[in-house]
């Protein structure tokens, strides 16, 4: 995690559903942004 979200955000994955989650708690105005999912398959 980036330091600014440690203790507030949790990333997890459900392989059966091919889904990754980001649980975001204690949100702050500075968390305002467009959030993008990223994945690396091989190269």
ModelCIF file with pLDDT and N, C-alpha, C, O atoms, coordinates in Angstrom:
data_MODEL
#
_entry.id   MODEL 
#
_entity.id                         1 
_entity.type                       polymer 
_entity.pdbx_number_of_molecules   1 
#
_entity_poly.entity_id                      1 
_entity_poly.type                           'polypeptide(L)' 
_entity_poly.nstd_linkage                   no 
_entity_poly.nstd_monomer                   no 
_entity_poly.pdbx_seq_one_letter_code       
;(UNK)(UNK)(UNK)(UNK)(UNK)(UNK)(UNK)(UNK)(UNK)(UNK)(UNK)(UNK)(UNK)(UNK)(UNK)(UNK)
(UNK)(UNK)(UNK)(UNK)(UNK)(UNK)(UNK)(UNK)(UNK)(UNK)(UNK)(UNK)(UNK)(UNK)(UNK)(UNK)
(UNK)(UNK)(UNK)(UNK)(UNK)(UNK)(UNK)(UNK)(UNK)(UNK)(UNK)
;
_entity_poly.pdbx_seq_one_letter_code_can   XXXXXXXXXXXXXXXXXXXXXXXXXXXXXXXXXXXXXXXXXXX 
_entity_poly.pdbx_strand_id                 A 
#
loop_
_entity_poly_seq.entity_id 
_entity_poly_seq.num 
_entity_poly_seq.mon_id 
_entity_poly_seq.hetero 
1 1  UNK n 
1 2  UNK n 
1 3  UNK n 
1 4  UNK n 
1 5  UNK n 
1 6  UNK n 
1 7  UNK n 
1 8  UNK n 
1 9  UNK n 
1 10 UNK n 
1 11 UNK n 
1 12 UNK n 
1 13 UNK n 
1 14 UNK n 
1 15 UNK n 
1 16 UNK n 
1 17 UNK n 
1 18 UNK n 
1 19 UNK n 
1 20 UNK n 
1 21 UNK n 
1 22 UNK n 
1 23 UNK n 
1 24 UNK n 
1 25 UNK n 
1 26 UNK n 
1 27 UNK n 
1 28 UNK n 
1 29 UNK n 
1 30 UNK n 
1 31 UNK n 
1 32 UNK n 
1 33 UNK n 
1 34 UNK n 
1 35 UNK n 
1 36 UNK n 
1 37 UNK n 
1 38 UNK n 
1 39 UNK n 
1 40 UNK n 
1 41 UNK n 
1 42 UNK n 
1 43 UNK n 
#
_struct_asym.id          A 
_struct_asym.entity_id   1 
#
loop_
_ma_qa_metric.id 
_ma_qa_metric.mode 
_ma_qa_metric.name 
_ma_qa_metric.software_group_id 
_ma_qa_metric.type 
1 global pLDDT . pLDDT 
2 local  pLDDT . pLDDT 
#
_ma_qa_metric_global.metric_id      1 
_ma_qa_metric_global.metric_value   96.09 
_ma_qa_metric_global.model_id       1 
_ma_qa_metric_global.ordinal_id     1 
#
loop_
_ma_qa_metric_local.label_asym_id 
_ma_qa_metric_local.label_comp_id 
_ma_qa_metric_local.label_seq_id 
_ma_qa_metric_local.metric_id 
_ma_qa_metric_local.metric_value 
_ma_qa_metric_local.model_id 
_ma_qa_metric_local.ordinal_id 
A UNK 1  2 98.00 1 1  
A UNK 2  2 98.00 1 2  
A UNK 3  2 98.00 1 3  
A UNK 4  2 97.00 1 4  
A UNK 5  2 98.00 1 5  
A UNK 6  2 98.00 1 6  
A UNK 7  2 98.00 1 7  
A UNK 8  2 98.00 1 8  
A UNK 9  2 98.00 1 9  
A UNK 10 2 98.00 1 10 
A UNK 11 2 98.00 1 11 
A UNK 12 2 96.00 1 12 
A UNK 13 2 94.00 1 13 
A UNK 14 2 93.00 1 14 
A UNK 15 2 91.00 1 15 
A UNK 16 2 93.00 1 16 
A UNK 17 2 95.00 1 17 
A UNK 18 2 94.00 1 18 
A UNK 19 2 96.00 1 19 
A UNK 20 2 97.00 1 20 
A UNK 21 2 98.00 1 21 
A UNK 22 2 98.00 1 22 
A UNK 23 2 98.00 1 23 
A UNK 24 2 98.00 1 24 
A UNK 25 2 98.00 1 25 
A UNK 26 2 98.00 1 26 
A UNK 27 2 98.00 1 27 
A UNK 28 2 98.00 1 28 
A UNK 29 2 97.00 1 29 
A UNK 30 2 97.00 1 30 
A UNK 31 2 98.00 1 31 
A UNK 32 2 98.00 1 32 
A UNK 33 2 98.00 1 33 
A UNK 34 2 98.00 1 34 
A UNK 35 2 98.00 1 35 
A UNK 36 2 98.00 1 36 
A UNK 37 2 98.00 1 37 
A UNK 38 2 97.00 1 38 
A UNK 39 2 95.00 1 39 
A UNK 40 2 91.00 1 40 
A UNK 41 2 87.00 1 41 
A UNK 42 2 84.00 1 42 
A UNK 43 2 88.00 1 43 
#
loop_
_atom_site.group_PDB 
_atom_site.id 
_atom_site.type_symbol 
_atom_site.label_atom_id 
_atom_site.label_alt_id 
_atom_site.label_comp_id 
_atom_site.label_asym_id 
_atom_site.label_entity_id 
_atom_site.label_seq_id 
_atom_site.pdbx_PDB_ins_code 
_atom_site.Cartn_x 
_atom_site.Cartn_y 
_atom_site.Cartn_z 
_atom_site.occupancy 
_atom_site.B_iso_or_equiv 
_atom_site.pdbx_formal_charge 
_atom_site.auth_seq_id 
_atom_site.auth_comp_id 
_atom_site.auth_asym_id 
_atom_site.auth_atom_id 
_atom_site.pdbx_PDB_model_num 
ATOM 1   N N  . UNK A 1 1  ? 0.829   -1.201  0.000   1.00 98.00 ? 1  UNK A N  1 
ATOM 2   C CA . UNK A 1 1  ? 0.000   0.000   0.000   1.00 98.00 ? 1  UNK A CA 1 
ATOM 3   C C  . UNK A 1 1  ? 0.864   1.251   0.000   1.00 98.00 ? 1  UNK A C  1 
ATOM 4   O O  . UNK A 1 1  ? 1.978   1.252   0.523   1.00 98.00 ? 1  UNK A O  1 
ATOM 5   N N  . UNK A 1 2  ? 0.344   2.301   -0.585  1.00 98.00 ? 2  UNK A N  1 
ATOM 6   C CA . UNK A 1 2  ? 0.980   3.598   -0.436  1.00 98.00 ? 2  UNK A CA 1 
ATOM 7   C C  . UNK A 1 2  ? 0.755   4.049   1.003   1.00 98.00 ? 2  UNK A C  1 
ATOM 8   O O  . UNK A 1 2  ? -0.272  3.732   1.602   1.00 98.00 ? 2  UNK A O  1 
ATOM 9   N N  . UNK A 1 3  ? 1.704   4.778   1.550   1.00 98.00 ? 3  UNK A N  1 
ATOM 10  C CA . UNK A 1 3  ? 1.643   5.143   2.961   1.00 98.00 ? 3  UNK A CA 1 
ATOM 11  C C  . UNK A 1 3  ? 0.360   5.882   3.331   1.00 98.00 ? 3  UNK A C  1 
ATOM 12  O O  . UNK A 1 3  ? -0.160  5.704   4.433   1.00 98.00 ? 3  UNK A O  1 
ATOM 13  N N  . UNK A 1 4  ? -0.145  6.694   2.438   1.00 97.00 ? 4  UNK A N  1 
ATOM 14  C CA . UNK A 1 4  ? -1.286  7.544   2.754   1.00 97.00 ? 4  UNK A CA 1 
ATOM 15  C C  . UNK A 1 4  ? -2.586  6.771   2.969   1.00 97.00 ? 4  UNK A C  1 
ATOM 16  O O  . UNK A 1 4  ? -3.543  7.329   3.505   1.00 97.00 ? 4  UNK A O  1 
ATOM 17  N N  . UNK A 1 5  ? -2.642  5.509   2.568   1.00 98.00 ? 5  UNK A N  1 
ATOM 18  C CA . UNK A 1 5  ? -3.871  4.730   2.731   1.00 98.00 ? 5  UNK A CA 1 
ATOM 19  C C  . UNK A 1 5  ? -3.700  3.559   3.697   1.00 98.00 ? 5  UNK A C  1 
ATOM 20  O O  . UNK A 1 5  ? -4.667  2.852   3.978   1.00 98.00 ? 5  UNK A O  1 
ATOM 21  N N  . UNK A 1 6  ? -2.512  3.345   4.199   1.00 98.00 ? 6  UNK A N  1 
ATOM 22  C CA . UNK A 1 6  ? -2.276  2.232   5.116   1.00 98.00 ? 6  UNK A CA 1 
ATOM 23  C C  . UNK A 1 6  ? -3.161  2.367   6.349   1.00 98.00 ? 6  UNK A C  1 
ATOM 24  O O  . UNK A 1 6  ? -3.277  3.442   6.938   1.00 98.00 ? 6  UNK A O  1 
ATOM 25  N N  . UNK A 1 7  ? -3.780  1.253   6.724   1.00 98.00 ? 7  UNK A N  1 
ATOM 26  C CA . UNK A 1 7  ? -4.670  1.268   7.878   1.00 98.00 ? 7  UNK A CA 1 
ATOM 27  C C  . UNK A 1 7  ? -6.087  1.688   7.547   1.00 98.00 ? 7  UNK A C  1 
ATOM 28  O O  . UNK A 1 7  ? -6.983  1.547   8.379   1.00 98.00 ? 7  UNK A O  1 
ATOM 29  N N  . UNK A 1 8  ? -6.306  2.206   6.338   1.00 98.00 ? 8  UNK A N  1 
ATOM 30  C CA . UNK A 1 8  ? -7.658  2.627   5.927   1.00 98.00 ? 8  UNK A CA 1 
ATOM 31  C C  . UNK A 1 8  ? -8.185  1.804   4.754   1.00 98.00 ? 8  UNK A C  1 
ATOM 32  O O  . UNK A 1 8  ? -9.379  1.511   4.694   1.00 98.00 ? 8  UNK A O  1 
ATOM 33  N N  . UNK A 1 9  ? -7.316  1.432   3.832   1.00 98.00 ? 9  UNK A N  1 
ATOM 34  C CA . UNK A 1 9  ? -7.726  0.675   2.642   1.00 98.00 ? 9  UNK A CA 1 
ATOM 35  C C  . UNK A 1 9  ? -7.252  -0.769  2.764   1.00 98.00 ? 9  UNK A C  1 
ATOM 36  O O  . UNK A 1 9  ? -6.211  -1.047  3.359   1.00 98.00 ? 9  UNK A O  1 
ATOM 37  N N  . UNK A 1 10 ? -8.035  -1.686  2.189   1.00 98.00 ? 10 UNK A N  1 
ATOM 38  C CA . UNK A 1 10 ? -7.663  -3.095  2.153   1.00 98.00 ? 10 UNK A CA 1 
ATOM 39  C C  . UNK A 1 10 ? -7.940  -3.648  0.764   1.00 98.00 ? 10 UNK A C  1 
ATOM 40  O O  . UNK A 1 10 ? -9.054  -3.544  0.249   1.00 98.00 ? 10 UNK A O  1 
ATOM 41  N N  . UNK A 1 11 ? -6.917  -4.234  0.171   1.00 98.00 ? 11 UNK A N  1 
ATOM 42  C CA . UNK A 1 11 ? -7.083  -4.872  -1.135  1.00 98.00 ? 11 UNK A CA 1 
ATOM 43  C C  . UNK A 1 11 ? -7.240  -6.370  -0.918  1.00 98.00 ? 11 UNK A C  1 
ATOM 44  O O  . UNK A 1 11 ? -6.585  -6.961  -0.058  1.00 98.00 ? 11 UNK A O  1 
ATOM 45  N N  . UNK A 1 12 ? -8.118  -6.973  -1.710  1.00 96.00 ? 12 UNK A N  1 
ATOM 46  C CA . UNK A 1 12 ? -8.336  -8.416  -1.595  1.00 96.00 ? 12 UNK A CA 1 
ATOM 47  C C  . UNK A 1 12 ? -8.720  -8.962  -2.966  1.00 96.00 ? 12 UNK A C  1 
ATOM 48  O O  . UNK A 1 12 ? -9.004  -8.207  -3.896  1.00 96.00 ? 12 UNK A O  1 
ATOM 49  N N  . UNK A 1 13 ? -8.721  -10.283 -3.070  1.00 94.00 ? 13 UNK A N  1 
ATOM 50  C CA . UNK A 1 13 ? -9.060  -10.891 -4.352  1.00 94.00 ? 13 UNK A CA 1 
ATOM 51  C C  . UNK A 1 13 ? -9.903  -12.132 -4.139  1.00 94.00 ? 13 UNK A C  1 
ATOM 52  O O  . UNK A 1 13 ? -9.747  -12.841 -3.145  1.00 94.00 ? 13 UNK A O  1 
ATOM 53  N N  . UNK A 1 14 ? -10.800 -12.389 -5.083  1.00 93.00 ? 14 UNK A N  1 
ATOM 54  C CA . UNK A 1 14 ? -11.617 -13.586 -5.083  1.00 93.00 ? 14 UNK A CA 1 
ATOM 55  C C  . UNK A 1 14 ? -11.331 -14.296 -6.406  1.00 93.00 ? 14 UNK A C  1 
ATOM 56  O O  . UNK A 1 14 ? -11.890 -13.934 -7.441  1.00 93.00 ? 14 UNK A O  1 
ATOM 57  N N  . UNK A 1 15 ? -10.474 -15.290 -6.370  1.00 91.00 ? 15 UNK A N  1 
ATOM 58  C CA . UNK A 1 15 ? -10.071 -15.951 -7.609  1.00 91.00 ? 15 UNK A CA 1 
ATOM 59  C C  . UNK A 1 15 ? -11.243 -16.642 -8.300  1.00 91.00 ? 15 UNK A C  1 
ATOM 60  O O  . UNK A 1 15 ? -11.279 -16.721 -9.527  1.00 91.00 ? 15 UNK A O  1 
ATOM 61  N N  . UNK A 1 16 ? -12.192 -17.136 -7.528  1.00 93.00 ? 16 UNK A N  1 
ATOM 62  C CA . UNK A 1 16 ? -13.342 -17.834 -8.117  1.00 93.00 ? 16 UNK A CA 1 
ATOM 63  C C  . UNK A 1 16 ? -14.212 -16.884 -8.942  1.00 93.00 ? 16 UNK A C  1 
ATOM 64  O O  . UNK A 1 16 ? -14.859 -17.293 -9.905  1.00 93.00 ? 16 UNK A O  1 
ATOM 65  N N  . UNK A 1 17 ? -14.214 -15.607 -8.545  1.00 95.00 ? 17 UNK A N  1 
ATOM 66  C CA . UNK A 1 17 ? -15.013 -14.604 -9.254  1.00 95.00 ? 17 UNK A CA 1 
ATOM 67  C C  . UNK A 1 17 ? -14.172 -13.746 -10.182 1.00 95.00 ? 17 UNK A C  1 
ATOM 68  O O  . UNK A 1 17 ? -14.693 -12.839 -10.831 1.00 95.00 ? 17 UNK A O  1 
ATOM 69  N N  . UNK A 1 18 ? -12.879 -14.022 -10.250 1.00 94.00 ? 18 UNK A N  1 
ATOM 70  C CA . UNK A 1 18 ? -11.969 -13.204 -11.079 1.00 94.00 ? 18 UNK A CA 1 
ATOM 71  C C  . UNK A 1 18 ? -12.120 -11.719 -10.753 1.00 94.00 ? 18 UNK A C  1 
ATOM 72  O O  . UNK A 1 18 ? -12.183 -10.874 -11.646 1.00 94.00 ? 18 UNK A O  1 
ATOM 73  N N  . UNK A 1 19 ? -12.174 -11.428 -9.480  1.00 96.00 ? 19 UNK A N  1 
ATOM 74  C CA . UNK A 1 19 ? -12.454 -10.062 -9.040  1.00 96.00 ? 19 UNK A CA 1 
ATOM 75  C C  . UNK A 1 19 ? -11.474 -9.641  -7.950  1.00 96.00 ? 19 UNK A C  1 
ATOM 76  O O  . UNK A 1 19 ? -11.117 -10.421 -7.067  1.00 96.00 ? 19 UNK A O  1 
ATOM 77  N N  . UNK A 1 20 ? -11.058 -8.401  -8.040  1.00 97.00 ? 20 UNK A N  1 
ATOM 78  C CA . UNK A 1 20 ? -10.223 -7.776  -7.022  1.00 97.00 ? 20 UNK A CA 1 
ATOM 79  C C  . UNK A 1 20 ? -11.024 -6.640  -6.402  1.00 97.00 ? 20 UNK A C  1 
ATOM 80  O O  . UNK A 1 20 ? -11.771 -5.942  -7.088  1.00 97.00 ? 20 UNK A O  1 
ATOM 81  N N  . UNK A 1 21 ? -10.860 -6.466  -5.109  1.00 98.00 ? 21 UNK A N  1 
ATOM 82  C CA . UNK A 1 21 ? -11.623 -5.452  -4.381  1.00 98.00 ? 21 UNK A CA 1 
ATOM 83  C C  . UNK A 1 21 ? -10.679 -4.455  -3.715  1.00 98.00 ? 21 UNK A C  1 
ATOM 84  O O  . UNK A 1 21 ? -9.521  -4.758  -3.428  1.00 98.00 ? 21 UNK A O  1 
ATOM 85  N N  . UNK A 1 22 ? -11.205 -3.272  -3.481  1.00 98.00 ? 22 UNK A N  1 
ATOM 86  C CA . UNK A 1 22 ? -10.517 -2.285  -2.655  1.00 98.00 ? 22 UNK A CA 1 
ATOM 87  C C  . UNK A 1 22 ? -11.527 -1.726  -1.667  1.00 98.00 ? 22 UNK A C  1 
ATOM 88  O O  . UNK A 1 22 ? -12.392 -0.928  -2.027  1.00 98.00 ? 22 UNK A O  1 
ATOM 89  N N  . UNK A 1 23 ? -11.405 -2.153  -0.422  1.00 98.00 ? 23 UNK A N  1 
ATOM 90  C CA . UNK A 1 23 ? -12.260 -1.631  0.637   1.00 98.00 ? 23 UNK A CA 1 
ATOM 91  C C  . UNK A 1 23 ? -11.626 -0.351  1.160   1.00 98.00 ? 23 UNK A C  1 
ATOM 92  O O  . UNK A 1 23 ? -10.481 -0.359  1.612   1.00 98.00 ? 23 UNK A O  1 
ATOM 93  N N  . UNK A 1 24 ? -12.357 0.732   1.098   1.00 98.00 ? 24 UNK A N  1 
ATOM 94  C CA . UNK A 1 24 ? -11.840 2.038   1.505   1.00 98.00 ? 24 UNK A CA 1 
ATOM 95  C C  . UNK A 1 24 ? -12.647 2.565   2.670   1.00 98.00 ? 24 UNK A C  1 
ATOM 96  O O  . UNK A 1 24 ? -13.838 2.847   2.531   1.00 98.00 ? 24 UNK A O  1 
ATOM 97  N N  . UNK A 1 25 ? -12.008 2.700   3.813   1.00 98.00 ? 25 UNK A N  1 
ATOM 98  C CA . UNK A 1 25 ? -12.651 3.209   5.021   1.00 98.00 ? 25 UNK A CA 1 
ATOM 99  C C  . UNK A 1 25 ? -12.029 4.535   5.432   1.00 98.00 ? 25 UNK A C  1 
ATOM 100 O O  . UNK A 1 25 ? -10.948 4.900   4.969   1.00 98.00 ? 25 UNK A O  1 
ATOM 101 N N  . UNK A 1 26 ? -12.717 5.239   6.294   1.00 98.00 ? 26 UNK A N  1 
ATOM 102 C CA . UNK A 1 26 ? -12.229 6.526   6.807   1.00 98.00 ? 26 UNK A CA 1 
ATOM 103 C C  . UNK A 1 26 ? -11.767 7.418   5.659   1.00 98.00 ? 26 UNK A C  1 
ATOM 104 O O  . UNK A 1 26 ? -10.674 7.983   5.696   1.00 98.00 ? 26 UNK A O  1 
ATOM 105 N N  . UNK A 1 27 ? -12.594 7.533   4.667   1.00 98.00 ? 27 UNK A N  1 
ATOM 106 C CA . UNK A 1 27 ? -12.217 8.297   3.478   1.00 98.00 ? 27 UNK A CA 1 
ATOM 107 C C  . UNK A 1 27 ? -12.030 9.773   3.790   1.00 98.00 ? 27 UNK A C  1 
ATOM 108 O O  . UNK A 1 27 ? -12.714 10.346  4.637   1.00 98.00 ? 27 UNK A O  1 
ATOM 109 N N  . UNK A 1 28 ? -11.080 10.369  3.078   1.00 98.00 ? 28 UNK A N  1 
ATOM 110 C CA . UNK A 1 28 ? -10.735 11.775  3.248   1.00 98.00 ? 28 UNK A CA 1 
ATOM 111 C C  . UNK A 1 28 ? -10.940 12.499  1.915   1.00 98.00 ? 28 UNK A C  1 
ATOM 112 O O  . UNK A 1 28 ? -10.898 11.872  0.857   1.00 98.00 ? 28 UNK A O  1 
ATOM 113 N N  . UNK A 1 29 ? -11.160 13.805  1.962   1.00 97.00 ? 29 UNK A N  1 
ATOM 114 C CA . UNK A 1 29 ? -11.309 14.557  0.705   1.00 97.00 ? 29 UNK A CA 1 
ATOM 115 C C  . UNK A 1 29 ? -10.130 14.350  -0.245  1.00 97.00 ? 29 UNK A C  1 
ATOM 116 O O  . UNK A 1 29 ? -10.309 14.344  -1.463  1.00 97.00 ? 29 UNK A O  1 
ATOM 117 N N  . UNK A 1 30 ? -8.937  14.183  0.301   1.00 97.00 ? 30 UNK A N  1 
ATOM 118 C CA . UNK A 1 30 ? -7.759  13.991  -0.559  1.00 97.00 ? 30 UNK A CA 1 
ATOM 119 C C  . UNK A 1 30 ? -7.734  12.629  -1.233  1.00 97.00 ? 30 UNK A C  1 
ATOM 120 O O  . UNK A 1 30 ? -6.856  12.371  -2.056  1.00 97.00 ? 30 UNK A O  1 
ATOM 121 N N  . UNK A 1 31 ? -8.675  11.752  -0.905  1.00 98.00 ? 31 UNK A N  1 
ATOM 122 C CA . UNK A 1 31 ? -8.807  10.479  -1.626  1.00 98.00 ? 31 UNK A CA 1 
ATOM 123 C C  . UNK A 1 31 ? -9.611  10.635  -2.918  1.00 98.00 ? 31 UNK A C  1 
ATOM 124 O O  . UNK A 1 31 ? -9.716  9.694   -3.704  1.00 98.00 ? 31 UNK A O  1 
ATOM 125 N N  . UNK A 1 32 ? -10.171 11.811  -3.131  1.00 98.00 ? 32 UNK A N  1 
ATOM 126 C CA . UNK A 1 32 ? -10.952 12.058  -4.343  1.00 98.00 ? 32 UNK A CA 1 
ATOM 127 C C  . UNK A 1 32 ? -10.081 11.884  -5.576  1.00 98.00 ? 32 UNK A C  1 
ATOM 128 O O  . UNK A 1 32 ? -9.031  12.512  -5.704  1.00 98.00 ? 32 UNK A O  1 
ATOM 129 N N  . UNK A 1 33 ? -10.533 11.019  -6.486  1.00 98.00 ? 33 UNK A N  1 
ATOM 130 C CA . UNK A 1 33 ? -9.757  10.716  -7.690  1.00 98.00 ? 33 UNK A CA 1 
ATOM 131 C C  . UNK A 1 33 ? -10.546 9.732   -8.553  1.00 98.00 ? 33 UNK A C  1 
ATOM 132 O O  . UNK A 1 33 ? -11.572 9.192   -8.140  1.00 98.00 ? 33 UNK A O  1 
ATOM 133 N N  . UNK A 1 34 ? -10.037 9.520   -9.747  1.00 98.00 ? 34 UNK A N  1 
ATOM 134 C CA . UNK A 1 34 ? -10.502 8.400   -10.557 1.00 98.00 ? 34 UNK A CA 1 
ATOM 135 C C  . UNK A 1 34 ? -9.615  7.212   -10.206 1.00 98.00 ? 34 UNK A C  1 
ATOM 136 O O  . UNK A 1 34 ? -8.389  7.305   -10.271 1.00 98.00 ? 34 UNK A O  1 
ATOM 137 N N  . UNK A 1 35 ? -10.231 6.110   -9.839  1.00 98.00 ? 35 UNK A N  1 
ATOM 138 C CA . UNK A 1 35 ? -9.504  4.921   -9.427  1.00 98.00 ? 35 UNK A CA 1 
ATOM 139 C C  . UNK A 1 35 ? -9.491  3.916   -10.582 1.00 98.00 ? 35 UNK A C  1 
ATOM 140 O O  . UNK A 1 35 ? -10.525 3.594   -11.168 1.00 98.00 ? 35 UNK A O  1 
ATOM 141 N N  . UNK A 1 36 ? -8.285  3.436   -10.886 1.00 98.00 ? 36 UNK A N  1 
ATOM 142 C CA . UNK A 1 36 ? -8.090  2.512   -11.997 1.00 98.00 ? 36 UNK A CA 1 
ATOM 143 C C  . UNK A 1 36 ? -7.609  1.152   -11.497 1.00 98.00 ? 36 UNK A C  1 
ATOM 144 O O  . UNK A 1 36 ? -6.724  1.058   -10.647 1.00 98.00 ? 36 UNK A O  1 
ATOM 145 N N  . UNK A 1 37 ? -8.204  0.128   -12.037 1.00 98.00 ? 37 UNK A N  1 
ATOM 146 C CA . UNK A 1 37 ? -7.749  -1.232  -11.776 1.00 98.00 ? 37 UNK A CA 1 
ATOM 147 C C  . UNK A 1 37 ? -6.623  -1.573  -12.745 1.00 98.00 ? 37 UNK A C  1 
ATOM 148 O O  . UNK A 1 37 ? -6.639  -1.150  -13.901 1.00 98.00 ? 37 UNK A O  1 
ATOM 149 N N  . UNK A 1 38 ? -5.659  -2.329  -12.275 1.00 97.00 ? 38 UNK A N  1 
ATOM 150 C CA . UNK A 1 38 ? -4.501  -2.723  -13.086 1.00 97.00 ? 38 UNK A CA 1 
ATOM 151 C C  . UNK A 1 38 ? -4.229  -4.203  -12.847 1.00 97.00 ? 38 UNK A C  1 
ATOM 152 O O  . UNK A 1 38 ? -4.407  -4.723  -11.746 1.00 97.00 ? 38 UNK A O  1 
ATOM 153 N N  . UNK A 1 39 ? -3.790  -4.864  -13.922 1.00 95.00 ? 39 UNK A N  1 
ATOM 154 C CA . UNK A 1 39 ? -3.403  -6.260  -13.795 1.00 95.00 ? 39 UNK A CA 1 
ATOM 155 C C  . UNK A 1 39 ? -2.273  -6.592  -14.744 1.00 95.00 ? 39 UNK A C  1 
ATOM 156 O O  . UNK A 1 39 ? -2.183  -6.044  -15.842 1.00 95.00 ? 39 UNK A O  1 
ATOM 157 N N  . UNK A 1 40 ? -1.409  -7.497  -14.309 1.00 91.00 ? 40 UNK A N  1 
ATOM 158 C CA . UNK A 1 40 ? -0.270  -7.906  -15.118 1.00 91.00 ? 40 UNK A CA 1 
ATOM 159 C C  . UNK A 1 40 ? -0.386  -9.394  -15.406 1.00 91.00 ? 40 UNK A C  1 
ATOM 160 O O  . UNK A 1 40 ? -0.264  -10.230 -14.511 1.00 91.00 ? 40 UNK A O  1 
ATOM 161 N N  . UNK A 1 41 ? -0.628  -9.709  -16.692 1.00 87.00 ? 41 UNK A N  1 
ATOM 162 C CA . UNK A 1 41 ? -0.646  -11.088 -17.139 1.00 87.00 ? 41 UNK A CA 1 
ATOM 163 C C  . UNK A 1 41 ? 0.624   -11.300 -17.961 1.00 87.00 ? 41 UNK A C  1 
ATOM 164 O O  . UNK A 1 41 ? 0.737   -10.803 -19.082 1.00 87.00 ? 41 UNK A O  1 
ATOM 165 N N  . UNK A 1 42 ? 1.562   -12.028 -17.406 1.00 84.00 ? 42 UNK A N  1 
ATOM 166 C CA . UNK A 1 42 ? 2.847   -12.177 -18.073 1.00 84.00 ? 42 UNK A CA 1 
ATOM 167 C C  . UNK A 1 42 ? 3.517   -10.829 -18.204 1.00 84.00 ? 42 UNK A C  1 
ATOM 168 O O  . UNK A 1 42 ? 3.641   -10.092 -17.226 1.00 84.00 ? 42 UNK A O  1 
ATOM 169 N N  . UNK A 1 43 ? 3.949   -10.504 -19.410 1.00 88.00 ? 43 UNK A N  1 
ATOM 170 C CA . UNK A 1 43 ? 4.634   -9.235  -19.651 1.00 88.00 ? 43 UNK A CA 1 
ATOM 171 C C  . UNK A 1 43 ? 3.664   -8.118  -20.040 1.00 88.00 ? 43 UNK A C  1 
ATOM 172 O O  . UNK A 1 43 ? 4.088   -6.987  -20.275 1.00 88.00 ? 43 UNK A O  1 
#
